[in-house]
Each structure stands twice: as structure tokens, then as C-alpha cells.
Amino acid sequence: DEPYLAKVLKDGTEQARESARNTLSDVRHAMGYR
């Protein structure tokens, strides 16, 4: 089921990105980057 596997990775990446962006925003701000 190739479409299902692609959807799992796409959805999983989108969920993980929300968490990752928040962390990276904190890190960049602390280091003086926008």
C-alpha cells in the first residue's frame, strides 16, 4: 500500500515539524538569530 505509506510519513513529518519549529525558534532566539 504505497499511498498509505507515503501518507504516514507525510502526516508524521508535519506533526513532528510543529514540535521541531517551536524548539528551533527558542534556540535561534537565544543565540541571537531571527
All heavy atoms as atom14 arrays in JSON, in Angstrom:
{
  "sequence": "DEPYLAKVLKDGTEQARESARNTLSDVRHAMGYR",
  "atom14_mask": [
    [1, 1, 1, 1, 1, 1, 1, 1, 0, 0, 0, 0, 0, 0],
    [1, 1, 1, 1, 1, 1, 1, 1, 1, 0, 0, 0, 0, 0],
    [1, 1, 1, 1, 1, 1, 1, 0, 0, 0, 0, 0, 0, 0],
    [1, 1, 1, 1, 1, 1, 1, 1, 1, 1, 1, 1, 0, 0],
    [1, 1, 1, 1, 1, 1, 1, 1, 0, 0, 0, 0, 0, 0],
    [1, 1, 1, 1, 1, 0, 0, 0, 0, 0, 0, 0, 0, 0],
    [1, 1, 1, 1, 1, 1, 1, 1, 1, 0, 0, 0, 0, 0],
    [1, 1, 1, 1, 1, 1, 1, 0, 0, 0, 0, 0, 0, 0],
    [1, 1, 1, 1, 1, 1, 1, 1, 0, 0, 0, 0, 0, 0],
    [1, 1, 1, 1, 1, 1, 1, 1, 1, 0, 0, 0, 0, 0],
    [1, 1, 1, 1, 1, 1, 1, 1, 0, 0, 0, 0, 0, 0],
    [1, 1, 1, 1, 0, 0, 0, 0, 0, 0, 0, 0, 0, 0],
    [1, 1, 1, 1, 1, 1, 1, 0, 0, 0, 0, 0, 0, 0],
    [1, 1, 1, 1, 1, 1, 1, 1, 1, 0, 0, 0, 0, 0],
    [1, 1, 1, 1, 1, 1, 1, 1, 1, 0, 0, 0, 0, 0],
    [1, 1, 1, 1, 1, 0, 0, 0, 0, 0, 0, 0, 0, 0],
    [1, 1, 1, 1, 1, 1, 1, 1, 1, 1, 1, 0, 0, 0],
    [1, 1, 1, 1, 1, 1, 1, 1, 1, 0, 0, 0, 0, 0],
    [1, 1, 1, 1, 1, 1, 0, 0, 0, 0, 0, 0, 0, 0],
    [1, 1, 1, 1, 1, 0, 0, 0, 0, 0, 0, 0, 0, 0],
    [1, 1, 1, 1, 1, 1, 1, 1, 1, 1, 1, 0, 0, 0],
    [1, 1, 1, 1, 1, 1, 1, 1, 0, 0, 0, 0, 0, 0],
    [1, 1, 1, 1, 1, 1, 1, 0, 0, 0, 0, 0, 0, 0],
    [1, 1, 1, 1, 1, 1, 1, 1, 0, 0, 0, 0, 0, 0],
    [1, 1, 1, 1, 1, 1, 0, 0, 0, 0, 0, 0, 0, 0],
    [1, 1, 1, 1, 1, 1, 1, 1, 0, 0, 0, 0, 0, 0],
    [1, 1, 1, 1, 1, 1, 1, 0, 0, 0, 0, 0, 0, 0],
    [1, 1, 1, 1, 1, 1, 1, 1, 1, 1, 1, 0, 0, 0],
    [1, 1, 1, 1, 1, 1, 1, 1, 1, 1, 0, 0, 0, 0],
    [1, 1, 1, 1, 1, 0, 0, 0, 0, 0, 0, 0, 0, 0],
    [1, 1, 1, 1, 1, 1, 1, 1, 0, 0, 0, 0, 0, 0],
    [1, 1, 1, 1, 0, 0, 0, 0, 0, 0, 0, 0, 0, 0],
    [1, 1, 1, 1, 1, 1, 1, 1, 1, 1, 1, 1, 0, 0],
    [1, 1, 1, 1, 1, 1, 1, 1, 1, 1, 1, 0, 0, 0]
  ],
  "atom14_positions": [
    [[0.83, -1.2, 0.0], [0.0, 0.0, 0.0], [0.87, 1.26, 0.0], [1.04, 1.93, 1.02], [-0.92, -0.02, 1.23], [-2.06, 1.0, 1.12], [-1.95, 1.91, 0.29], [-3.03, 0.87, 1.88], [0.0, 0.0, 0.0], [0.0, 0.0, 0.0], [0.0, 0.0, 0.0], [0.0, 0.0, 0.0], [0.0, 0.0, 0.0], [0.0, 0.0, 0.0]],
    [[1.41, 1.59, -1.15], [2.32, 2.73, -1.27], [1.67, 4.06, -0.89], [2.3, 4.87, -0.19], [2.87, 2.8, -2.7], [3.75, 1.62, -3.11], [5.15, 1.7, -2.49], [5.46, 2.71, -1.84], [5.93, 0.75, -2.68], [0.0, 0.0, 0.0], [0.0, 0.0, 0.0], [0.0, 0.0, 0.0], [0.0, 0.0, 0.0], [0.0, 0.0, 0.0]],
    [[0.44, 4.34, -1.31], [-0.19, 5.62, -0.92], [-0.31, 5.77, 0.59], [-0.1, 6.86, 1.13], [-1.57, 5.55, -1.59], [-1.38, 4.64, -2.76], [-0.41, 3.6, -2.27], [0.0, 0.0, 0.0], [0.0, 0.0, 0.0], [0.0, 0.0, 0.0], [0.0, 0.0, 0.0], [0.0, 0.0, 0.0], [0.0, 0.0, 0.0], [0.0, 0.0, 0.0]],
    [[-0.64, 4.68, 1.28], [-0.77, 4.73, 2.74], [0.58, 5.01, 3.39], [0.68, 5.86, 4.3], [-1.32, 3.4, 3.26], [-1.32, 3.28, 4.77], [-2.1, 4.12, 5.57], [-0.51, 2.33, 5.41], [-2.09, 4.02, 6.95], [-0.5, 2.23, 6.8], [-1.28, 3.07, 7.56], [-1.26, 2.97, 8.93], [0.0, 0.0, 0.0], [0.0, 0.0, 0.0]],
    [[1.63, 4.36, 2.93], [2.96, 4.57, 3.5], [3.42, 6.01, 3.29], [4.0, 6.63, 4.19], [3.96, 3.6, 2.86], [3.73, 2.12, 3.14], [4.71, 1.27, 2.34], [3.88, 1.82, 4.63], [0.0, 0.0, 0.0], [0.0, 0.0, 0.0], [0.0, 0.0, 0.0], [0.0, 0.0, 0.0], [0.0, 0.0, 0.0], [0.0, 0.0, 0.0]],
    [[3.15, 6.56, 2.1], [3.52, 7.95, 1.83], [2.76, 8.9, 2.75], [3.31, 9.89, 3.25], [3.24, 8.29, 0.37], [0.0, 0.0, 0.0], [0.0, 0.0, 0.0], [0.0, 0.0, 0.0], [0.0, 0.0, 0.0], [0.0, 0.0, 0.0], [0.0, 0.0, 0.0], [0.0, 0.0, 0.0], [0.0, 0.0, 0.0], [0.0, 0.0, 0.0]],
    [[1.49, 8.6, 2.99], [0.66, 9.45, 3.86], [1.16, 9.4, 5.3], [1.19, 10.42, 5.99], [-0.8, 9.01, 3.79], [-1.75, 9.91, 4.59], [-3.19, 9.47, 4.43], [-4.14, 10.47, 5.1], [-3.88, 10.69, 6.53], [0.0, 0.0, 0.0], [0.0, 0.0, 0.0], [0.0, 0.0, 0.0], [0.0, 0.0, 0.0], [0.0, 0.0, 0.0]],
    [[1.54, 8.21, 5.76], [2.05, 8.08, 7.13], [3.27, 8.97, 7.33], [3.37, 9.71, 8.32], [2.4, 6.61, 7.45], [3.2, 6.51, 8.75], [1.14, 5.77, 7.56], [0.0, 0.0, 0.0], [0.0, 0.0, 0.0], [0.0, 0.0, 0.0], [0.0, 0.0, 0.0], [0.0, 0.0, 0.0], [0.0, 0.0, 0.0], [0.0, 0.0, 0.0]],
    [[4.21, 8.93, 6.39], [5.42, 9.75, 6.51], [5.11, 11.24, 6.38], [5.67, 12.06, 7.11], [6.46, 9.33, 5.47], [7.15, 7.99, 5.7], [8.16, 7.72, 4.59], [7.86, 7.94, 7.06], [0.0, 0.0, 0.0], [0.0, 0.0, 0.0], [0.0, 0.0, 0.0], [0.0, 0.0, 0.0], [0.0, 0.0, 0.0], [0.0, 0.0, 0.0]],
    [[4.22, 11.59, 5.46], [3.86, 12.99, 5.27], [3.2, 13.55, 6.53], [3.58, 14.61, 7.03], [2.92, 13.13, 4.07], [2.46, 14.56, 3.79], [1.6, 14.6, 2.53], [1.12, 16.03, 2.24], [0.19, 16.53, 3.28], [0.0, 0.0, 0.0], [0.0, 0.0, 0.0], [0.0, 0.0, 0.0], [0.0, 0.0, 0.0], [0.0, 0.0, 0.0]],
    [[2.2, 12.83, 7.05], [1.5, 13.29, 8.25], [2.43, 13.31, 9.46], [2.38, 14.23, 10.28], [0.28, 12.39, 8.54], [-0.81, 12.53, 7.49], [-0.72, 13.46, 6.65], [-1.74, 11.69, 7.49], [0.0, 0.0, 0.0], [0.0, 0.0, 0.0], [0.0, 0.0, 0.0], [0.0, 0.0, 0.0], [0.0, 0.0, 0.0], [0.0, 0.0, 0.0]],
    [[3.27, 12.29, 9.56], [4.19, 12.22, 10.68], [5.18, 13.36, 10.67], [5.49, 13.95, 11.72], [0.0, 0.0, 0.0], [0.0, 0.0, 0.0], [0.0, 0.0, 0.0], [0.0, 0.0, 0.0], [0.0, 0.0, 0.0], [0.0, 0.0, 0.0], [0.0, 0.0, 0.0], [0.0, 0.0, 0.0], [0.0, 0.0, 0.0], [0.0, 0.0, 0.0]],
    [[5.67, 13.71, 9.47], [6.62, 14.82, 9.36], [5.96, 16.14, 9.73], [6.56, 16.98, 10.42], [7.17, 14.9, 7.93], [7.82, 13.66, 7.61], [8.17, 16.04, 7.78], [0.0, 0.0, 0.0], [0.0, 0.0, 0.0], [0.0, 0.0, 0.0], [0.0, 0.0, 0.0], [0.0, 0.0, 0.0], [0.0, 0.0, 0.0], [0.0, 0.0, 0.0]],
    [[4.72, 16.33, 9.31], [4.01, 17.57, 9.63], [3.81, 17.72, 11.14], [3.98, 18.81, 11.7], [2.66, 17.6, 8.91], [2.79, 17.81, 7.4], [1.45, 17.74, 6.69], [0.43, 17.47, 7.36], [1.42, 17.96, 5.46], [0.0, 0.0, 0.0], [0.0, 0.0, 0.0], [0.0, 0.0, 0.0], [0.0, 0.0, 0.0], [0.0, 0.0, 0.0]],
    [[3.47, 16.61, 11.8], [3.29, 16.67, 13.26], [4.63, 16.93, 13.96], [4.71, 17.72, 14.9], [2.7, 15.35, 13.75], [1.27, 15.09, 13.31], [0.8, 13.73, 13.77], [0.71, 13.45, 14.97], [0.48, 12.85, 12.83], [0.0, 0.0, 0.0], [0.0, 0.0, 0.0], [0.0, 0.0, 0.0], [0.0, 0.0, 0.0], [0.0, 0.0, 0.0]],
    [[5.67, 16.23, 13.51], [6.98, 16.4, 14.12], [7.51, 17.81, 13.87], [8.19, 18.39, 14.73], [7.96, 15.37, 13.56], [0.0, 0.0, 0.0], [0.0, 0.0, 0.0], [0.0, 0.0, 0.0], [0.0, 0.0, 0.0], [0.0, 0.0, 0.0], [0.0, 0.0, 0.0], [0.0, 0.0, 0.0], [0.0, 0.0, 0.0], [0.0, 0.0, 0.0]],
    [[7.19, 18.39, 12.71], [7.7, 19.72, 12.37], [7.14, 20.79, 13.29], [7.84, 21.76, 13.62], [7.37, 20.04, 10.9], [7.78, 21.43, 10.46], [8.05, 21.48, 8.98], [9.29, 20.78, 8.66], [9.42, 19.93, 7.65], [8.39, 19.66, 6.88], [10.58, 19.35, 7.43], [0.0, 0.0, 0.0], [0.0, 0.0, 0.0], [0.0, 0.0, 0.0]],
    [[5.91, 20.63, 13.72], [5.32, 21.61, 14.64], [6.14, 21.68, 15.93], [6.45, 22.76, 16.43], [3.87, 21.24, 14.95], [3.18, 22.23, 15.87], [1.73, 21.88, 16.13], [1.22, 20.93, 15.51], [1.11, 22.57, 16.96], [0.0, 0.0, 0.0], [0.0, 0.0, 0.0], [0.0, 0.0, 0.0], [0.0, 0.0, 0.0], [0.0, 0.0, 0.0]],
    [[6.49, 20.5, 16.47], [7.32, 20.44, 17.67], [8.71, 20.99, 17.4], [9.26, 21.79, 18.17], [7.41, 18.99, 18.17], [8.44, 18.83, 19.12], [0.0, 0.0, 0.0], [0.0, 0.0, 0.0], [0.0, 0.0, 0.0], [0.0, 0.0, 0.0], [0.0, 0.0, 0.0], [0.0, 0.0, 0.0], [0.0, 0.0, 0.0], [0.0, 0.0, 0.0]],
    [[9.3, 20.6, 16.27], [10.67, 20.99, 15.94], [10.8, 22.49, 15.72], [11.78, 23.11, 16.14], [11.13, 20.23, 14.7], [0.0, 0.0, 0.0], [0.0, 0.0, 0.0], [0.0, 0.0, 0.0], [0.0, 0.0, 0.0], [0.0, 0.0, 0.0], [0.0, 0.0, 0.0], [0.0, 0.0, 0.0], [0.0, 0.0, 0.0], [0.0, 0.0, 0.0]],
    [[9.84, 23.08, 15.06], [9.89, 24.52, 14.8], [9.86, 25.33, 16.1], [10.56, 26.34, 16.23], [8.72, 24.94, 13.9], [8.95, 24.65, 12.42], [7.74, 24.99, 11.6], [8.02, 24.85, 10.17], [7.08, 24.82, 9.22], [5.8, 24.94, 9.57], [7.41, 24.69, 7.96], [0.0, 0.0, 0.0], [0.0, 0.0, 0.0], [0.0, 0.0, 0.0]],
    [[9.05, 24.87, 17.05], [8.98, 25.57, 18.33], [10.33, 25.55, 19.04], [10.79, 26.56, 19.57], [7.9, 24.95, 19.22], [6.51, 25.21, 18.71], [6.26, 26.19, 18.01], [5.57, 24.34, 19.05], [0.0, 0.0, 0.0], [0.0, 0.0, 0.0], [0.0, 0.0, 0.0], [0.0, 0.0, 0.0], [0.0, 0.0, 0.0], [0.0, 0.0, 0.0]],
    [[10.97, 24.38, 19.03], [12.28, 24.26, 19.68], [13.32, 25.11, 18.97], [14.09, 25.84, 19.6], [12.74, 22.79, 19.69], [11.8, 21.99, 20.4], [14.11, 22.65, 20.35], [0.0, 0.0, 0.0], [0.0, 0.0, 0.0], [0.0, 0.0, 0.0], [0.0, 0.0, 0.0], [0.0, 0.0, 0.0], [0.0, 0.0, 0.0], [0.0, 0.0, 0.0]],
    [[13.33, 25.02, 17.65], [14.34, 25.76, 16.88], [14.15, 27.27, 17.03], [15.13, 28.03, 17.08], [14.27, 25.36, 15.41], [15.49, 25.69, 14.56], [16.76, 25.1, 15.16], [15.3, 25.19, 13.14], [0.0, 0.0, 0.0], [0.0, 0.0, 0.0], [0.0, 0.0, 0.0], [0.0, 0.0, 0.0], [0.0, 0.0, 0.0], [0.0, 0.0, 0.0]],
    [[12.91, 27.71, 17.13], [12.64, 29.13, 17.36], [13.25, 29.59, 18.68], [13.89, 30.66, 18.76], [11.13, 29.38, 17.35], [10.84, 30.74, 17.65], [0.0, 0.0, 0.0], [0.0, 0.0, 0.0], [0.0, 0.0, 0.0], [0.0, 0.0, 0.0], [0.0, 0.0, 0.0], [0.0, 0.0, 0.0], [0.0, 0.0, 0.0], [0.0, 0.0, 0.0]],
    [[13.08, 28.77, 19.71], [13.66, 29.09, 21.02], [15.19, 29.14, 20.95], [15.83, 30.03, 21.53], [13.23, 28.06, 22.07], [11.75, 28.15, 22.42], [11.13, 29.18, 22.11], [11.22, 27.17, 22.99], [0.0, 0.0, 0.0], [0.0, 0.0, 0.0], [0.0, 0.0, 0.0], [0.0, 0.0, 0.0], [0.0, 0.0, 0.0], [0.0, 0.0, 0.0]],
    [[15.77, 28.17, 20.25], [17.23, 28.08, 20.13], [17.79, 29.28, 19.36], [18.76, 29.93, 19.78], [17.65, 26.76, 19.46], [19.11, 26.79, 19.03], [17.39, 25.58, 20.39], [0.0, 0.0, 0.0], [0.0, 0.0, 0.0], [0.0, 0.0, 0.0], [0.0, 0.0, 0.0], [0.0, 0.0, 0.0], [0.0, 0.0, 0.0], [0.0, 0.0, 0.0]],
    [[17.18, 29.59, 18.22], [17.64, 30.71, 17.4], [17.54, 32.03, 18.16], [18.43, 32.88, 18.1], [16.85, 30.78, 16.09], [17.15, 29.63, 15.12], [16.27, 29.74, 13.9], [16.63, 30.91, 13.11], [17.38, 30.89, 12.0], [17.87, 29.74, 11.56], [17.66, 32.0, 11.35], [0.0, 0.0, 0.0], [0.0, 0.0, 0.0], [0.0, 0.0, 0.0]],
    [[16.42, 32.21, 18.87], [16.23, 33.44, 19.63], [17.32, 33.58, 20.71], [17.89, 34.65, 20.9], [14.84, 33.44, 20.28], [14.58, 34.64, 21.15], [14.28, 35.88, 20.61], [14.58, 34.79, 22.5], [14.12, 36.75, 21.59], [14.29, 36.12, 22.74], [0.0, 0.0, 0.0], [0.0, 0.0, 0.0], [0.0, 0.0, 0.0], [0.0, 0.0, 0.0]],
    [[17.6, 32.48, 21.42], [18.62, 32.52, 22.48], [19.99, 32.86, 21.91], [20.79, 33.55, 22.56], [18.67, 31.17, 23.2], [0.0, 0.0, 0.0], [0.0, 0.0, 0.0], [0.0, 0.0, 0.0], [0.0, 0.0, 0.0], [0.0, 0.0, 0.0], [0.0, 0.0, 0.0], [0.0, 0.0, 0.0], [0.0, 0.0, 0.0], [0.0, 0.0, 0.0]],
    [[20.27, 32.4, 20.69], [21.58, 32.61, 20.08], [21.68, 33.93, 19.33], [22.75, 34.27, 18.8], [21.9, 31.44, 19.14], [22.05, 30.1, 19.85], [22.42, 28.75, 18.71], [24.09, 29.18, 18.19], [0.0, 0.0, 0.0], [0.0, 0.0, 0.0], [0.0, 0.0, 0.0], [0.0, 0.0, 0.0], [0.0, 0.0, 0.0], [0.0, 0.0, 0.0]],
    [[20.57, 34.66, 19.25], [20.61, 35.96, 18.58], [20.22, 35.94, 17.12], [20.49, 36.9, 16.39], [0.0, 0.0, 0.0], [0.0, 0.0, 0.0], [0.0, 0.0, 0.0], [0.0, 0.0, 0.0], [0.0, 0.0, 0.0], [0.0, 0.0, 0.0], [0.0, 0.0, 0.0], [0.0, 0.0, 0.0], [0.0, 0.0, 0.0], [0.0, 0.0, 0.0]],
    [[19.56, 34.87, 16.68], [19.12, 34.77, 15.3], [17.6, 34.89, 15.23], [16.88, 34.41, 16.13], [19.54, 33.43, 14.68], [21.02, 33.3, 14.48], [21.83, 32.76, 15.47], [21.6, 33.73, 13.29], [23.2, 32.64, 15.27], [22.98, 33.62, 13.09], [23.76, 33.07, 14.1], [25.13, 32.97, 13.91], [0.0, 0.0, 0.0], [0.0, 0.0, 0.0]],
    [[17.12, 35.47, 14.16], [15.68, 35.53, 13.95], [15.15, 34.14, 13.61], [15.86, 33.32, 13.05], [15.34, 36.46, 12.78], [15.69, 37.92, 13.01], [15.35, 38.72, 11.77], [15.71, 40.13, 11.93], [15.55, 41.03, 10.98], [15.03, 40.68, 9.81], [15.89, 42.29, 11.2], [0.0, 0.0, 0.0], [0.0, 0.0, 0.0], [0.0, 0.0, 0.0]]
  ]
}
